[in-house]
Amino acid sequence: MMAQLFYFSGVLAFLVIFLFPFWRRRKDKLGFGYGAF
């Protein structure tokens, strides 16, 4: 149970770190940019 939770949180953190720049760039193109975060 604990190992599964640790693995899931690791995957989630990796996804956030990996996808955040693309997400931010897409928001910038839409015009509400860095103010959203």
N, C-alpha and C. Protein backbone atom coordinates (compact mmCIF):
# COMPACT_ATOMS: atom_id res chain seq x y z
N MET A 1 0.84 -1.21 0.00
CA MET A 1 0.00 0.00 0.00
C MET A 1 0.88 1.27 0.00
N MET A 2 1.82 1.31 0.91
CA MET A 2 2.67 2.50 1.02
C MET A 2 3.56 2.67 -0.21
N ALA A 3 4.11 1.54 -0.67
CA ALA A 3 4.96 1.59 -1.86
C ALA A 3 4.16 2.04 -3.09
N GLN A 4 2.92 1.58 -3.17
CA GLN A 4 2.04 1.95 -4.29
C GLN A 4 1.76 3.45 -4.27
N LEU A 5 1.51 3.98 -3.08
CA LEU A 5 1.24 5.41 -2.91
C LEU A 5 2.48 6.24 -3.29
N PHE A 6 3.65 5.76 -2.85
CA PHE A 6 4.90 6.43 -3.16
C PHE A 6 5.16 6.45 -4.67
N TYR A 7 4.92 5.33 -5.32
CA TYR A 7 5.10 5.22 -6.76
C TYR A 7 4.14 6.16 -7.50
N PHE A 8 2.89 6.20 -7.06
CA PHE A 8 1.89 7.06 -7.69
C PHE A 8 2.25 8.53 -7.55
N SER A 9 2.71 8.93 -6.35
CA SER A 9 3.08 10.32 -6.14
C SER A 9 4.31 10.70 -6.98
N GLY A 10 5.23 9.74 -7.15
CA GLY A 10 6.39 9.98 -7.99
C GLY A 10 6.01 10.20 -9.45
N VAL A 11 5.10 9.37 -9.95
CA VAL A 11 4.61 9.50 -11.33
C VAL A 11 3.88 10.83 -11.50
N LEU A 12 3.08 11.20 -10.53
CA LEU A 12 2.33 12.45 -10.58
C LEU A 12 3.28 13.65 -10.61
N ALA A 13 4.30 13.62 -9.75
CA ALA A 13 5.28 14.70 -9.71
C ALA A 13 6.03 14.81 -11.04
N PHE A 14 6.39 13.65 -11.62
CA PHE A 14 7.08 13.64 -12.91
C PHE A 14 6.20 14.25 -14.00
N LEU A 15 4.93 13.89 -14.01
CA LEU A 15 4.01 14.42 -15.01
C LEU A 15 3.85 15.93 -14.88
N VAL A 16 3.74 16.40 -13.64
CA VAL A 16 3.59 17.84 -13.41
C VAL A 16 4.83 18.59 -13.90
N ILE A 17 6.02 18.08 -13.54
CA ILE A 17 7.26 18.72 -13.94
C ILE A 17 7.44 18.69 -15.46
N PHE A 18 7.07 17.56 -16.06
CA PHE A 18 7.27 17.37 -17.50
C PHE A 18 6.27 18.17 -18.33
N LEU A 19 5.01 18.22 -17.89
CA LEU A 19 3.96 18.83 -18.70
C LEU A 19 3.74 20.32 -18.43
N PHE A 20 4.23 20.82 -17.28
CA PHE A 20 3.94 22.20 -16.91
C PHE A 20 4.43 23.23 -17.93
N PRO A 21 5.67 23.10 -18.48
CA PRO A 21 6.11 24.09 -19.49
C PRO A 21 5.23 24.13 -20.73
N PHE A 22 4.78 22.96 -21.18
CA PHE A 22 3.91 22.91 -22.37
C PHE A 22 2.56 23.55 -22.07
N TRP A 23 2.04 23.25 -20.88
CA TRP A 23 0.75 23.81 -20.44
C TRP A 23 0.83 25.32 -20.36
N ARG A 24 1.94 25.83 -19.79
CA ARG A 24 2.12 27.26 -19.63
C ARG A 24 2.25 27.94 -20.98
N ARG A 25 2.99 27.31 -21.90
CA ARG A 25 3.17 27.88 -23.23
C ARG A 25 1.85 27.94 -23.97
N ARG A 26 1.02 26.91 -23.81
CA ARG A 26 -0.28 26.89 -24.46
C ARG A 26 -1.17 27.99 -23.89
N LYS A 27 -1.10 28.20 -22.60
CA LYS A 27 -1.88 29.28 -21.99
C LYS A 27 -1.42 30.65 -22.48
N ASP A 28 -0.12 30.80 -22.68
CA ASP A 28 0.40 32.06 -23.20
C ASP A 28 -0.15 32.35 -24.59
N LYS A 29 -0.26 31.32 -25.41
CA LYS A 29 -0.83 31.50 -26.74
C LYS A 29 -2.29 31.91 -26.67
N LEU A 30 -3.01 31.41 -25.66
CA LEU A 30 -4.41 31.77 -25.51
C LEU A 30 -4.59 33.20 -24.98
N GLY A 31 -3.53 33.76 -24.39
CA GLY A 31 -3.56 35.16 -24.02
C GLY A 31 -3.77 35.47 -22.55
N PHE A 32 -3.88 34.42 -21.69
CA PHE A 32 -3.97 34.76 -20.27
C PHE A 32 -2.80 34.23 -19.47
N GLY A 33 -1.77 33.80 -20.17
CA GLY A 33 -0.40 33.62 -19.70
C GLY A 33 -0.11 33.37 -18.24
N TYR A 34 0.91 34.08 -17.77
CA TYR A 34 1.47 33.81 -16.44
C TYR A 34 0.57 34.29 -15.31
N GLY A 35 -0.38 35.14 -15.61
CA GLY A 35 -1.30 35.62 -14.59
C GLY A 35 -2.17 34.52 -14.01
N ALA A 36 -2.36 33.44 -14.78
CA ALA A 36 -3.19 32.33 -14.31
C ALA A 36 -2.50 31.55 -13.20
N PHE A 37 -1.13 31.60 -13.19
CA PHE A 37 -0.41 30.89 -12.13
C PHE A 37 0.33 31.87 -11.26
